[in-house]
C-alpha atoms as a PDB file:
ATOM      1  CA  UNK A   1     131.410  88.681  43.112  1.00  0.00           C
ATOM      2  CA  UNK A   2     129.097  87.482  40.408  1.00  0.00           C
ATOM      3  CA  UNK A   3     126.233  89.281  38.710  1.00  0.00           C
ATOM      4  CA  UNK A   4     123.649  87.357  40.733  1.00  0.00           C
ATOM      5  CA  UNK A   5     125.093  88.497  44.047  1.00  0.00           C
ATOM      6  CA  UNK A   6     125.250  92.086  42.832  1.00  0.00           C
ATOM      7  CA  UNK A   7     121.627  91.877  41.660  1.00  0.00           C
ATOM      8  CA  UNK A   8     120.618  90.540  45.094  1.00  0.00           C
ATOM      9  CA  UNK A   9     122.354  93.472  46.790  1.00  0.00           C
ATOM     10  CA  UNK A  10     120.738  96.008  44.478  1.00  0.00           C
ATOM     11  CA  UNK A  11     117.298  94.441  44.939  1.00  0.00           C
ATOM     12  CA  UNK A  12     117.591  94.464  48.739  1.00  0.00           C
ATOM     13  CA  UNK A  13     118.740  98.101  48.683  1.00  0.00           C
ATOM     14  CA  UNK A  14     115.780  99.095  46.521  1.00  0.00           C
ATOM     15  CA  UNK A  15     113.358  97.323  48.873  1.00  0.00           C
ATOM     16  CA  UNK A  16     114.578  99.175  51.967  1.00  0.00           C
ATOM     17  CA  UNK A  17     115.562 102.596  50.618  1.00  0.00           C
ATOM     18  CA  UNK A  18     112.235 104.262  51.491  1.00  0.00           C
ATOM     19  CA  UNK A  19     111.394 102.325  54.666  1.00  0.00           C
ATOM     20  CA  UNK A  20     113.355 103.797  57.566  1.00  0.00           C
ATOM     21  CA  UNK A  21     112.734 100.945  60.014  1.00  0.00           C
ATOM     22  CA  UNK A  22     113.688  98.223  57.516  1.00  0.00           C
ATOM     23  CA  UNK A  23     116.632 100.300  56.317  1.00  0.00           C
ATOM     24  CA  UNK A  24     117.932 100.674  59.875  1.00  0.00           C
ATOM     25  CA  UNK A  25     117.401  96.968  60.605  1.00  0.00           C
ATOM     26  CA  UNK A  26     119.219  95.762  57.488  1.00  0.00           C
ATOM     27  CA  UNK A  27     122.065  98.285  57.760  1.00  0.00           C
ATOM     28  CA  UNK A  28     122.672  97.646  61.471  1.00  0.00           C
ATOM     29  CA  UNK A  29     122.598  93.890  60.856  1.00  0.00           C
ATOM     30  CA  UNK A  30     124.971  94.292  57.912  1.00  0.00           C
ATOM     31  CA  UNK A  31     127.339  96.343  60.066  1.00  0.00           C
ATOM     32  CA  UNK A  32     127.272  93.667  62.778  1.00  0.00           C
ATOM     33  CA  UNK A  33     127.926  90.899  60.220  1.00  0.00           C
ATOM     34  CA  UNK A  34     130.851  92.775  58.687  1.00  0.00           C
ATOM     35  CA  UNK A  35     132.323  93.438  62.135  1.00  0.00           C
ATOM     36  CA  UNK A  36     131.830  89.826  63.108  1.00  0.00           C
ATOM     37  CA  UNK A  37     133.473  88.489  59.963  1.00  0.00           C
ATOM     38  CA  UNK A  38     136.344  90.997  60.087  1.00  0.00           C
ATOM     39  CA  UNK A  39     137.191  90.286  63.702  1.00  0.00           C
ATOM     40  CA  UNK A  40     136.893  86.518  63.348  1.00  0.00           C
ATOM     41  CA  UNK A  41     134.810  86.243  66.501  1.00  0.00           C
ATOM     42  CA  UNK A  42     137.298  87.768  68.926  1.00  0.00           C
ATOM     43  CA  UNK A  43     136.132  87.745  72.519  1.00  0.00           C
ATOM     44  CA  UNK A  44     135.942  91.460  73.232  1.00  0.00           C
ATOM     45  CA  UNK A  45     132.843  91.791  75.461  1.00  0.00           C
ATOM     46  CA  UNK A  46     132.420  95.489  74.647  1.00  0.00           C
ATOM     47  CA  UNK A  47     132.187  94.767  70.917  1.00  0.00           C
ATOM     48  CA  UNK A  48     129.708  91.956  71.510  1.00  0.00           C
ATOM     49  CA  UNK A  49     127.577  94.294  73.627  1.00  0.00           C
ATOM     50  CA  UNK A  50     127.682  96.873  70.798  1.00  0.00           C
ATOM     51  CA  UNK A  51     126.520  94.246  68.265  1.00  0.00           C
ATOM     52  CA  UNK A  52     123.771  93.063  70.610  1.00  0.00           C
ATOM     53  CA  UNK A  53     122.568  96.626  71.183  1.00  0.00           C
ATOM     54  CA  UNK A  54     122.515  97.393  67.445  1.00  0.00           C
ATOM     55  CA  UNK A  55     120.791  94.235  66.199  1.00  0.00           C
ATOM     56  CA  UNK A  56     119.700  92.316  69.257  1.00  0.00           C
ATOM     57  CA  UNK A  57     121.936  89.476  68.066  1.00  0.00           C
ATOM     58  CA  UNK A  58     123.121  86.738  70.390  1.00  0.00           C
ATOM     59  CA  UNK A  59     126.149  84.668  69.425  1.00  0.00           C
ATOM     60  CA  UNK A  60     126.053  80.893  69.835  1.00  0.00           C
ATOM     61  CA  UNK A  61     128.902  78.563  70.767  1.00  0.00           C
ATOM     62  CA  UNK A  62     132.208  79.454  69.087  1.00  0.00           C
ATOM     63  CA  UNK A  63     130.544  82.438  67.407  1.00  0.00           C
ATOM     64  CA  UNK A  64     129.316  80.348  64.443  1.00  0.00           C
ATOM     65  CA  UNK A  65     125.617  80.860  65.198  1.00  0.00           C
ATOM     66  CA  UNK A  66     123.838  84.200  65.451  1.00  0.00           C
ATOM     67  CA  UNK A  67     120.285  84.570  66.735  1.00  0.00           C
ATOM     68  CA  UNK A  68     118.582  87.809  65.725  1.00  0.00           C
ATOM     69  CA  UNK A  69     115.768  89.572  67.567  1.00  0.00           C
ATOM     70  CA  UNK A  70     112.172  88.608  66.720  1.00  0.00           C
ATOM     71  CA  UNK A  71     110.714  90.738  63.940  1.00  0.00           C
ATOM     72  CA  UNK A  72     107.862  90.840  61.438  1.00  0.00           C
ATOM     73  CA  UNK A  73     107.631  88.388  58.541  1.00  0.00           C
ATOM     74  CA  UNK A  74     108.556  91.107  56.029  1.00  0.00           C
ATOM     75  CA  UNK A  75     111.664  92.122  57.954  1.00  0.00           C
ATOM     76  CA  UNK A  76     112.635  88.454  58.365  1.00  0.00           C
ATOM     77  CA  UNK A  77     112.352  88.145  54.578  1.00  0.00           C
ATOM     78  CA  UNK A  78     114.763  91.069  54.179  1.00  0.00           C
ATOM     79  CA  UNK A  79     117.181  89.527  56.690  1.00  0.00           C
ATOM     80  CA  UNK A  80     116.974  86.162  54.871  1.00  0.00           C
ATOM     81  CA  UNK A  81     118.055  87.984  51.719  1.00  0.00           C
ATOM     82  CA  UNK A  82     120.916  89.660  53.570  1.00  0.00           C
ATOM     83  CA  UNK A  83     122.014  86.271  54.930  1.00  0.00           C
ATOM     84  CA  UNK A  84     122.003  84.886  51.368  1.00  0.00           C
ATOM     85  CA  UNK A  85     124.242  87.729  50.200  1.00  0.00           C
ATOM     86  CA  UNK A  86     126.778  86.968  52.953  1.00  0.00           C
ATOM     87  CA  UNK A  87     126.577  83.199  52.452  1.00  0.00           C
ATOM     88  CA  UNK A  88     125.150  82.302  55.866  1.00  0.00           C
ATOM     89  CA  UNK A  89     122.859  79.299  56.302  1.00  0.00           C
ATOM     90  CA  UNK A  90     119.668  80.732  57.790  1.00  0.00           C
ATOM     91  CA  UNK A  91     116.246  79.762  59.052  1.00  0.00           C
ATOM     92  CA  UNK A  92     113.340  81.285  60.920  1.00  0.00           C
ATOM     93  CA  UNK A  93     112.593  79.636  64.261  1.00  0.00           C
ATOM     94  CA  UNK A  94     110.015  80.179  66.963  1.00  0.00           C
ATOM     95  CA  UNK A  95     106.297  80.833  66.855  1.00  0.00           C
ATOM     96  CA  UNK A  96     104.188  83.987  66.636  1.00  0.00           C
ATOM     97  CA  UNK A  97     105.809  87.116  67.993  1.00  0.00           C
ATOM     98  CA  UNK A  98     108.914  85.162  69.060  1.00  0.00           C
ATOM     99  CA  UNK A  99     109.760  84.114  65.479  1.00  0.00           C
ATOM    100  CA  UNK A 100     113.292  85.157  64.588  1.00  0.00           C
ATOM    101  CA  UNK A 101     116.218  84.312  62.333  1.00  0.00           C
ATOM    102  CA  UNK A 102     119.125  82.075  63.220  1.00  0.00           C
ATOM    103  CA  UNK A 103     122.235  82.449  61.057  1.00  0.00           C
ATOM    104  CA  UNK A 104     124.930  79.774  60.831  1.00  0.00           C
ATOM    105  CA  UNK A 105     128.377  80.481  59.432  1.00  0.00           C
ATOM    106  CA  UNK A 106     129.346  78.277  56.446  1.00  0.00           C
ATOM    107  CA  UNK A 107     132.558  77.843  54.435  1.00  0.00           C
ATOM    108  CA  UNK A 108     131.003  80.175  51.806  1.00  0.00           C
ATOM    109  CA  UNK A 109     130.323  82.940  54.343  1.00  0.00           C
ATOM    110  CA  UNK A 110     132.191  86.105  53.337  1.00  0.00           C
ATOM    111  CA  UNK A 111     131.877  89.870  53.131  1.00  0.00           C
ATOM    112  CA  UNK A 112     130.771  90.817  49.605  1.00  0.00           C
ATOM    113  CA  UNK A 113     132.881  93.376  47.702  1.00  0.00           C
ATOM    114  CA  UNK A 114     129.864  95.700  47.439  1.00  0.00           C
ATOM    115  CA  UNK A 115     127.703  96.201  50.523  1.00  0.00           C
ATOM    116  CA  UNK A 116     124.020  97.076  50.714  1.00  0.00           C
ATOM    117  CA  UNK A 117     125.087 100.306  52.407  1.00  0.00           C
ATOM    118  CA  UNK A 118     127.252 101.149  49.358  1.00  0.00           C
ATOM    119  CA  UNK A 119     124.260 100.849  47.037  1.00  0.00           C
ATOM    120  CA  UNK A 120     121.993 102.801  49.406  1.00  0.00           C
ATOM    121  CA  UNK A 121     124.608 105.529  49.615  1.00  0.00           C
ATOM    122  CA  UNK A 122     124.289 105.883  45.873  1.00  0.00           C
ATOM    123  CA  UNK A 123     120.497 106.298  46.093  1.00  0.00           C
ATOM    124  CA  UNK A 124     121.093 109.190  48.484  1.00  0.00           C
ATOM    125  CA  UNK A 125     123.952 110.724  46.482  1.00  0.00           C
ATOM    126  CA  UNK A 126     122.988 112.443  43.255  1.00  0.00           C
ATOM    127  CA  UNK A 127     126.574 112.460  41.942  1.00  0.00           C
ATOM    128  CA  UNK A 128     127.119 108.708  42.396  1.00  0.00           C
ATOM    129  CA  UNK A 129     130.264 106.932  43.464  1.00  0.00           C
ATOM    130  CA  UNK A 130     133.483 107.164  41.550  1.00  0.00           C
ATOM    131  CA  UNK A 131     134.957 104.126  39.878  1.00  0.00           C
ATOM    132  CA  UNK A 132     138.155 104.581  41.883  1.00  0.00           C
ATOM    133  CA  UNK A 133     136.224 104.089  45.123  1.00  0.00           C
ATOM    134  CA  UNK A 134     134.950 100.741  43.864  1.00  0.00           C
ATOM    135  CA  UNK A 135     138.386  99.713  42.556  1.00  0.00           C
ATOM    136  CA  UNK A 136     139.915 100.330  45.951  1.00  0.00           C
ATOM    137  CA  UNK A 137     137.236  98.169  47.579  1.00  0.00           C
ATOM    138  CA  UNK A 138     137.546  95.164  45.260  1.00  0.00           C
ATOM    139  CA  UNK A 139     141.032  93.719  44.913  1.00  0.00           C
ATOM    140  CA  UNK A 140     140.149  90.763  42.644  1.00  0.00           C
ATOM    141  CA  UNK A 141     140.578  90.514  38.914  1.00  0.00           C
ATOM    142  CA  UNK A 142     136.918  91.444  38.485  1.00  0.00           C
ATOM    143  CA  UNK A 143     137.534  95.001  39.685  1.00  0.00           C
ATOM    144  CA  UNK A 144     137.230  96.832  36.410  1.00  0.00           C
ATOM    145  CA  UNK A 145     134.205  94.843  35.230  1.00  0.00           C
ATOM    146  CA  UNK A 146     132.358  95.225  38.538  1.00  0.00           C
ATOM    147  CA  UNK A 147     133.132  98.952  38.686  1.00  0.00           C
ATOM    148  CA  UNK A 148     131.812  99.394  35.202  1.00  0.00           C
ATOM    149  CA  UNK A 149     128.732  97.307  35.972  1.00  0.00           C
ATOM    150  CA  UNK A 150     128.167  99.178  39.257  1.00  0.00           C
ATOM    151  CA  UNK A 151     128.502 102.546  37.494  1.00  0.00           C
ATOM    152  CA  UNK A 152     126.111 101.404  34.757  1.00  0.00           C
ATOM    153  CA  UNK A 153     123.470 100.135  37.181  1.00  0.00           C
ATOM    154  CA  UNK A 154     123.660 103.170  39.441  1.00  0.00           C
ATOM    155  CA  UNK A 155     123.644 105.809  36.716  1.00  0.00           C
ATOM    156  CA  UNK A 156     121.447 103.913  34.257  1.00  0.00           C
ATOM    157  CA  UNK A 157     123.808 104.914  31.437  1.00  0.00           C
ATOM    158  CA  UNK A 158     124.355 102.555  28.523  1.00  0.00           C
ATOM    159  CA  UNK A 159     127.541 100.539  28.366  1.00  0.00           C
ATOM    160  CA  UNK A 160     129.345 101.090  25.089  1.00  0.00           C
END
């Protein structure tokens, strides 16, 4: 995870933290994307129904394309940002009230080490997350640096 991706996650979290509808939309879409990427598009109909109920998403052929429910231009903007964070190719299609996002899986598509929900959790939690929680989540060599950066950004304390 690079600093740009982390900044994108933090920016998206700050945009939705006080807007319950946008917060629900982004978090439910994030949950569906994580589930989709973790399960590698397995064919469990119950899980697909759960994802469709949560986000209104429809999966295309071979599970590489996801069509989201129509939504306002502002919420589409937020979902475009979420798609960027996860590395999906994305575009808005349709006209008027039927305009919606279509996501396409790419080779770069992956679950980021820090989720939007992780950052939002910190906005709601006055104590903040512990560095050990972040270390357990990120198994790359960047663990210590990202934990330190995450702690710095969330607590607004100076790095020494």
